């Protein structure tokens, strides 16, 4: 099975292309890599690795969407909840304390007709 990642505009994504509706067998590999299998409109499945550090930042203890965010530099123990679309992590705040934070992947990730995840 080959793994790939392509970025296309949101206008090319399926109308109901919510990440959690179309992607199964998702899990975190390490602290920043999401491994996931997504359904295409033809019924096939596309396996992918997604480096979440390219899209998520730690904003004073709160996970947030941001290009080249590198949240993994200050957050640990990142995992995907059983709901298949919420990541949780322990993140450092500016004052040095550590807090638990979460982010809904359905807010920014969509799946196109080929089963490819897009941001």
Protein backbone atom coordinates (compact mmCIF):
# COMPACT_ATOMS: atom_id res chain seq x y z
CA UNK A 1 0.00 0.00 0.00
CA UNK A 2 1.40 3.42 -0.87
CA UNK A 3 0.98 6.53 1.25
CA UNK A 4 0.64 9.98 -0.23
CA UNK A 5 -0.51 13.48 0.62
CA UNK A 6 -1.73 16.06 -1.87
CA UNK A 7 -3.24 19.47 -1.23
CA UNK A 8 -6.13 20.71 -3.35
CA UNK A 9 -8.46 23.60 -2.82
CA UNK A 10 -11.49 23.15 -0.60
CA UNK A 11 -13.72 23.69 -3.65
CA UNK A 12 -12.45 20.36 -5.00
CA UNK A 13 -13.43 18.53 -1.83
CA UNK A 14 -16.66 16.55 -1.49
CA UNK A 15 -19.63 18.43 -0.11
CA UNK A 16 -19.86 16.06 2.87
CA UNK A 17 -16.10 15.49 3.02
CA UNK A 18 -15.84 15.68 6.79
CA UNK A 19 -12.71 13.93 7.95
CA UNK A 20 -14.44 11.73 10.55
CA UNK A 21 -17.18 10.62 8.12
CA UNK A 22 -14.79 9.37 5.46
CA UNK A 23 -11.65 8.29 7.30
CA UNK A 24 -11.35 5.15 9.41
CA UNK A 25 -8.55 3.31 11.17
CA UNK A 26 -6.98 6.61 12.19
CA UNK A 27 -4.27 6.69 14.84
CA UNK A 28 -1.32 8.79 15.95
CA UNK A 29 2.21 7.60 15.21
CA UNK A 30 4.56 9.44 17.53
CA UNK A 31 3.57 12.87 18.77
CA UNK A 32 2.69 14.54 15.47
CA UNK A 33 1.94 12.05 12.68
CA UNK A 34 -1.64 11.02 11.99
CA UNK A 35 -1.94 7.74 10.06
CA UNK A 36 -5.34 7.34 8.44
CA UNK A 37 -7.27 5.47 5.75
CA UNK A 38 -9.92 7.48 3.85
CA UNK A 39 -12.67 6.37 1.45
CA UNK A 40 -12.79 7.71 -2.09
CA UNK A 41 -16.04 8.43 -3.95
CA UNK A 42 -15.46 5.25 -5.99
CA UNK A 43 -15.37 3.15 -2.81
CA UNK A 44 -11.60 2.65 -2.68
CA UNK A 45 -9.40 3.49 0.26
CA UNK A 46 -6.35 5.76 0.46
CA UNK A 47 -3.77 5.30 3.23
CA UNK A 48 -1.96 8.49 4.29
CA UNK A 49 0.43 9.99 6.80
CA UNK A 50 -0.33 13.56 7.85
CA UNK A 51 2.23 15.61 9.78
CA UNK A 52 -0.07 17.62 12.06
CA UNK A 53 2.85 19.86 13.07
CA UNK A 54 2.51 21.48 9.64
CA UNK A 55 -1.00 22.69 10.49
CA UNK A 56 -1.36 23.03 14.27
CA UNK A 57 0.28 25.32 16.84
CA UNK A 58 0.38 25.63 20.61
CA UNK A 59 -1.05 29.06 21.46
CA UNK A 60 -0.18 29.41 25.17
CA UNK A 61 -1.49 25.95 26.02
CA UNK A 62 -4.29 25.84 23.46
CA UNK A 63 -4.04 23.80 20.25
CA UNK A 64 -5.02 25.96 17.24
CA UNK A 65 -4.88 25.80 13.44
CA UNK A 66 -1.84 27.56 11.93
CA UNK A 67 0.43 26.74 8.99
CA UNK A 68 3.82 25.50 10.13
CA UNK A 69 2.58 25.60 13.73
CA UNK A 70 4.99 22.97 15.12
CA UNK A 71 2.84 22.23 18.18
CA UNK A 72 4.95 19.13 18.83
CA UNK A 73 7.81 21.33 20.06
CA UNK A 74 5.84 22.20 23.22
CA UNK A 75 3.11 19.54 23.45
CA UNK A 76 3.43 15.86 24.39
CA UNK A 77 1.31 12.74 24.76
CA UNK A 78 -0.79 13.58 21.70
CA UNK A 79 -3.50 11.05 20.87
CA UNK A 80 -6.66 10.73 18.79
CA UNK A 81 -9.89 10.32 20.76
CA UNK A 82 -12.23 7.41 20.03
CA UNK A 83 -14.56 9.85 18.22
CA UNK A 84 -11.97 9.70 15.38
CA UNK A 85 -11.71 13.48 14.96
CA UNK A 86 -10.49 15.06 18.22
CA UNK A 87 -6.80 15.15 19.11
CA UNK A 88 -5.73 15.74 22.70
CA UNK A 89 -2.32 16.78 23.97
CA UNK A 90 -0.49 18.08 27.06
CA UNK A 91 0.81 21.55 26.13
CA UNK A 92 3.14 24.00 27.85
CA UNK A 93 1.94 27.50 28.53
CA UNK A 94 4.18 30.58 28.42
CA UNK A 95 4.45 30.50 32.23
CA UNK A 96 5.85 26.94 32.05
CA UNK A 97 2.77 25.15 33.38
CA UNK A 98 1.31 22.25 31.40
CA UNK A 99 -2.38 22.01 30.50
CA UNK A 100 -4.49 19.55 28.55
CA UNK A 101 -5.74 20.82 25.21
CA UNK A 102 -7.84 19.43 22.36
CA UNK A 103 -8.62 20.26 18.74
CA UNK A 104 -11.39 19.05 16.41
CA UNK A 105 -9.89 17.84 13.11
CA UNK A 106 -13.30 18.09 11.40
CA UNK A 107 -13.05 21.90 11.62
CA UNK A 108 -10.29 22.12 8.99
CA UNK A 109 -9.65 18.73 7.38
CA UNK A 110 -11.77 17.60 4.42
CA UNK A 111 -11.47 14.63 2.10
CA UNK A 112 -11.59 14.97 -1.70
CA UNK A 113 -13.13 12.52 -4.22
CA UNK A 114 -9.91 10.47 -4.33
CA UNK A 115 -9.92 9.99 -0.55
CA UNK A 116 -7.05 12.46 -0.01
CA UNK A 117 -7.06 14.66 3.13
CA UNK A 118 -6.87 18.40 2.51
CA UNK A 119 -6.35 21.32 4.86
